[in-house]
Amino acid sequence: MTDQQKLDCREIFALLSEYIDEELPPATCEEIAQHIAGCAPCVDFVESLKKAIEVSRKNELPERPTPLPDATRDQLRTLWQRMLASRV
């Protein structure tokens, strides 16, 4: 991708699930990693998302997923809003 085609925070967010699960092409993963490394709001959001995934996997019930705790959901929402506001 050229400099003009680099992914922005919203595009990164849309690809995070596949990125974390390592389902994207290596070039896309590298671009996402570079973006995240240089974007503090994205770093915070990705780290919180990874923690939420880890917690939910540990607490996963066989038939029904465990909802995120309200505090975790609020923290993710706050970090997401901060990330979006930093890119306006």
N, C-alpha and C. Protein backbone atom coordinates (compact mmCIF):
# COMPACT_ATOMS: atom_id res chain seq x y z
N MET A 1 0.83 -1.18 0.00
CA MET A 1 0.00 0.00 0.00
C MET A 1 0.87 1.24 0.00
N THR A 2 0.40 2.28 -0.64
CA THR A 2 1.13 3.53 -0.63
C THR A 2 0.75 4.32 0.61
N ASP A 3 1.48 5.42 0.86
CA ASP A 3 1.17 6.25 2.02
C ASP A 3 -0.28 6.73 2.00
N GLN A 4 -0.80 7.01 0.81
CA GLN A 4 -2.17 7.51 0.70
C GLN A 4 -3.19 6.41 0.98
N GLN A 5 -2.78 5.14 0.91
CA GLN A 5 -3.70 4.04 1.10
C GLN A 5 -3.59 3.39 2.48
N LYS A 6 -2.81 3.97 3.37
CA LYS A 6 -2.63 3.38 4.70
C LYS A 6 -3.97 3.32 5.43
N LEU A 7 -4.10 2.30 6.25
CA LEU A 7 -5.33 2.10 7.02
C LEU A 7 -5.44 3.16 8.11
N ASP A 8 -6.67 3.61 8.36
CA ASP A 8 -6.89 4.53 9.48
C ASP A 8 -7.46 3.74 10.66
N CYS A 9 -7.69 4.42 11.77
CA CYS A 9 -8.15 3.75 12.99
C CYS A 9 -9.45 2.99 12.78
N ARG A 10 -10.37 3.55 12.06
CA ARG A 10 -11.66 2.87 11.84
C ARG A 10 -11.48 1.60 11.02
N GLU A 11 -10.61 1.65 10.03
CA GLU A 11 -10.35 0.45 9.23
C GLU A 11 -9.62 -0.60 10.07
N ILE A 12 -8.72 -0.14 10.92
CA ILE A 12 -8.02 -1.05 11.82
C ILE A 12 -9.04 -1.75 12.72
N PHE A 13 -9.95 -0.98 13.29
CA PHE A 13 -10.97 -1.54 14.18
C PHE A 13 -11.77 -2.62 13.46
N ALA A 14 -12.13 -2.38 12.21
CA ALA A 14 -12.94 -3.34 11.45
C ALA A 14 -12.19 -4.65 11.21
N LEU A 15 -10.86 -4.59 11.23
CA LEU A 15 -10.05 -5.78 10.96
C LEU A 15 -9.47 -6.43 12.22
N LEU A 16 -9.74 -5.87 13.39
CA LEU A 16 -9.07 -6.34 14.61
C LEU A 16 -9.35 -7.81 14.93
N SER A 17 -10.55 -8.26 14.75
CA SER A 17 -10.86 -9.65 15.07
C SER A 17 -10.01 -10.60 14.23
N GLU A 18 -9.98 -10.34 12.92
CA GLU A 18 -9.16 -11.19 12.04
C GLU A 18 -7.67 -11.03 12.34
N TYR A 19 -7.26 -9.82 12.72
CA TYR A 19 -5.86 -9.56 13.07
C TYR A 19 -5.46 -10.36 14.31
N ILE A 20 -6.26 -10.27 15.35
CA ILE A 20 -5.95 -10.98 16.59
C ILE A 20 -5.96 -12.49 16.36
N ASP A 21 -6.87 -12.97 15.51
CA ASP A 21 -6.94 -14.40 15.21
C ASP A 21 -5.96 -14.83 14.13
N GLU A 22 -5.13 -13.90 13.66
CA GLU A 22 -4.12 -14.16 12.63
C GLU A 22 -4.71 -14.75 11.36
N GLU A 23 -5.82 -14.15 10.90
CA GLU A 23 -6.50 -14.61 9.70
C GLU A 23 -6.30 -13.70 8.50
N LEU A 24 -5.44 -12.69 8.63
CA LEU A 24 -5.21 -11.73 7.54
C LEU A 24 -3.89 -12.04 6.84
N PRO A 25 -3.75 -11.54 5.61
CA PRO A 25 -2.48 -11.71 4.91
C PRO A 25 -1.34 -11.05 5.70
N PRO A 26 -0.14 -11.60 5.61
CA PRO A 26 1.00 -11.05 6.37
C PRO A 26 1.22 -9.55 6.14
N ALA A 27 1.05 -9.07 4.92
CA ALA A 27 1.28 -7.64 4.64
C ALA A 27 0.27 -6.77 5.39
N THR A 28 -0.97 -7.22 5.46
CA THR A 28 -2.00 -6.47 6.18
C THR A 28 -1.72 -6.50 7.68
N CYS A 29 -1.31 -7.66 8.19
CA CYS A 29 -0.96 -7.77 9.62
C CYS A 29 0.19 -6.82 9.97
N GLU A 30 1.17 -6.74 9.09
CA GLU A 30 2.32 -5.86 9.32
C GLU A 30 1.88 -4.39 9.33
N GLU A 31 1.01 -4.03 8.40
CA GLU A 31 0.53 -2.65 8.36
C GLU A 31 -0.27 -2.30 9.61
N ILE A 32 -1.10 -3.24 10.06
CA ILE A 32 -1.88 -3.01 11.28
C ILE A 32 -0.94 -2.89 12.47
N ALA A 33 0.04 -3.77 12.57
CA ALA A 33 1.00 -3.73 13.68
C ALA A 33 1.75 -2.40 13.70
N GLN A 34 2.16 -1.92 12.53
CA GLN A 34 2.87 -0.64 12.46
C GLN A 34 1.95 0.52 12.89
N HIS A 35 0.69 0.47 12.45
CA HIS A 35 -0.25 1.54 12.83
C HIS A 35 -0.44 1.53 14.35
N ILE A 36 -0.72 0.34 14.88
CA ILE A 36 -0.99 0.23 16.31
C ILE A 36 0.22 0.70 17.12
N ALA A 37 1.42 0.33 16.69
CA ALA A 37 2.62 0.72 17.41
C ALA A 37 2.80 2.23 17.48
N GLY A 38 2.27 2.96 16.49
CA GLY A 38 2.43 4.41 16.47
C GLY A 38 1.19 5.18 16.87
N CYS A 39 0.19 4.49 17.41
CA CYS A 39 -1.09 5.15 17.73
C CYS A 39 -1.51 4.76 19.15
N ALA A 40 -1.26 5.64 20.10
CA ALA A 40 -1.54 5.34 21.51
C ALA A 40 -2.99 4.93 21.76
N PRO A 41 -4.00 5.61 21.19
CA PRO A 41 -5.37 5.18 21.42
C PRO A 41 -5.63 3.77 20.90
N CYS A 42 -5.03 3.41 19.78
CA CYS A 42 -5.21 2.05 19.24
C CYS A 42 -4.51 1.03 20.13
N VAL A 43 -3.32 1.38 20.64
CA VAL A 43 -2.62 0.48 21.56
C VAL A 43 -3.52 0.17 22.75
N ASP A 44 -4.06 1.21 23.37
CA ASP A 44 -4.94 1.04 24.54
C ASP A 44 -6.14 0.17 24.19
N PHE A 45 -6.76 0.45 23.05
CA PHE A 45 -7.94 -0.29 22.66
C PHE A 45 -7.62 -1.76 22.40
N VAL A 46 -6.55 -2.02 21.66
CA VAL A 46 -6.19 -3.41 21.33
C VAL A 46 -5.84 -4.18 22.60
N GLU A 47 -5.08 -3.58 23.50
CA GLU A 47 -4.73 -4.26 24.75
C GLU A 47 -5.98 -4.58 25.57
N SER A 48 -6.90 -3.64 25.65
CA SER A 48 -8.14 -3.89 26.39
C SER A 48 -8.97 -4.98 25.71
N LEU A 49 -9.00 -4.96 24.39
CA LEU A 49 -9.74 -5.97 23.65
C LEU A 49 -9.13 -7.36 23.88
N LYS A 50 -7.81 -7.45 23.85
CA LYS A 50 -7.15 -8.74 24.10
C LYS A 50 -7.46 -9.25 25.50
N LYS A 51 -7.45 -8.34 26.48
CA LYS A 51 -7.78 -8.74 27.85
C LYS A 51 -9.22 -9.22 27.95
N ALA A 52 -10.13 -8.52 27.28
CA ALA A 52 -11.54 -8.91 27.30
C ALA A 52 -11.72 -10.28 26.66
N ILE A 53 -11.02 -10.54 25.57
CA ILE A 53 -11.10 -11.85 24.91
C ILE A 53 -10.56 -12.93 25.84
N GLU A 54 -9.43 -12.65 26.47
CA GLU A 54 -8.84 -13.62 27.39
C GLU A 54 -9.79 -13.94 28.54
N VAL A 55 -10.37 -12.92 29.13
CA VAL A 55 -11.31 -13.12 30.23
C VAL A 55 -12.53 -13.90 29.76
N SER A 56 -13.06 -13.55 28.61
CA SER A 56 -14.26 -14.24 28.13
C SER A 56 -13.96 -15.70 27.79
N ARG A 57 -12.76 -15.99 27.29
CA ARG A 57 -12.39 -17.39 26.98
C ARG A 57 -12.25 -18.21 28.26
N LYS A 58 -11.71 -17.60 29.30
CA LYS A 58 -11.56 -18.31 30.58
C LYS A 58 -12.92 -18.60 31.21
N ASN A 59 -13.86 -17.69 31.01
CA ASN A 59 -15.17 -17.81 31.64
C ASN A 59 -16.23 -18.36 30.70
N GLU A 60 -15.82 -18.82 29.54
CA GLU A 60 -16.77 -19.25 28.52
C GLU A 60 -17.58 -20.46 28.99
N LEU A 61 -18.87 -20.39 28.82
CA LEU A 61 -19.76 -21.50 29.09
C LEU A 61 -19.94 -22.28 27.79
N PRO A 62 -20.14 -23.56 27.85
CA PRO A 62 -20.25 -24.35 26.63
C PRO A 62 -21.38 -23.94 25.70
N GLU A 63 -22.52 -23.54 26.25
CA GLU A 63 -23.67 -23.26 25.41
C GLU A 63 -23.96 -21.78 25.20
N ARG A 64 -23.48 -20.95 26.09
CA ARG A 64 -23.81 -19.52 26.02
C ARG A 64 -22.60 -18.68 26.43
N PRO A 65 -22.18 -17.73 25.58
CA PRO A 65 -21.04 -16.91 25.95
C PRO A 65 -21.33 -16.03 27.16
N THR A 66 -20.29 -15.77 27.92
CA THR A 66 -20.41 -14.90 29.08
C THR A 66 -20.35 -13.45 28.64
N PRO A 67 -21.34 -12.64 29.03
CA PRO A 67 -21.28 -11.21 28.66
C PRO A 67 -20.10 -10.54 29.35
N LEU A 68 -19.57 -9.51 28.68
CA LEU A 68 -18.50 -8.73 29.29
C LEU A 68 -19.05 -8.00 30.51
N PRO A 69 -18.26 -7.89 31.55
CA PRO A 69 -18.70 -7.09 32.70
C PRO A 69 -18.92 -5.64 32.27
N ASP A 70 -19.84 -4.97 32.94
CA ASP A 70 -20.15 -3.58 32.60
C ASP A 70 -18.91 -2.69 32.62
N ALA A 71 -18.04 -2.87 33.59
CA ALA A 71 -16.84 -2.04 33.69
C ALA A 71 -15.93 -2.25 32.47
N THR A 72 -15.79 -3.48 32.03
CA THR A 72 -14.97 -3.77 30.85
C THR A 72 -15.59 -3.17 29.61
N ARG A 73 -16.89 -3.32 29.46
CA ARG A 73 -17.60 -2.74 28.32
C ARG A 73 -17.47 -1.22 28.30
N ASP A 74 -17.61 -0.60 29.47
CA ASP A 74 -17.47 0.86 29.56
C ASP A 74 -16.05 1.29 29.22
N GLN A 75 -15.06 0.52 29.68
CA GLN A 75 -13.66 0.85 29.39
C GLN A 75 -13.40 0.74 27.89
N LEU A 76 -13.89 -0.32 27.25
CA LEU A 76 -13.71 -0.47 25.80
C LEU A 76 -14.39 0.67 25.05
N ARG A 77 -15.59 1.04 25.48
CA ARG A 77 -16.32 2.13 24.81
C ARG A 77 -15.55 3.44 24.96
N THR A 78 -15.03 3.72 26.14
CA THR A 78 -14.26 4.95 26.38
C THR A 78 -13.00 4.97 25.52
N LEU A 79 -12.29 3.85 25.48
CA LEU A 79 -11.07 3.79 24.67
C LEU A 79 -11.38 3.93 23.19
N TRP A 80 -12.46 3.32 22.74
CA TRP A 80 -12.88 3.43 21.33
C TRP A 80 -13.19 4.89 21.00
N GLN A 81 -13.94 5.57 21.87
CA GLN A 81 -14.28 6.96 21.63
C GLN A 81 -13.02 7.84 21.64
N ARG A 82 -12.08 7.56 22.54
CA ARG A 82 -10.83 8.31 22.59
C ARG A 82 -10.03 8.11 21.31
N MET A 83 -9.99 6.86 20.81
CA MET A 83 -9.28 6.57 19.58
C MET A 83 -9.90 7.33 18.42
N LEU A 84 -11.23 7.32 18.32
CA LEU A 84 -11.90 8.04 17.24
C LEU A 84 -11.66 9.54 17.33
N ALA A 85 -11.73 10.08 18.54
CA ALA A 85 -11.54 11.52 18.73
C ALA A 85 -10.12 11.94 18.38
N SER A 86 -9.16 11.07 18.59
CA SER A 86 -7.77 11.43 18.29
C SER A 86 -7.50 11.48 16.80
N ARG A 87 -8.36 10.90 16.01
CA ARG A 87 -8.15 10.82 14.56
C ARG A 87 -9.00 11.80 13.76
N VAL A 88 -9.74 12.64 14.44
CA VAL A 88 -10.60 13.60 13.74
C VAL A 88 -9.81 14.79 13.29
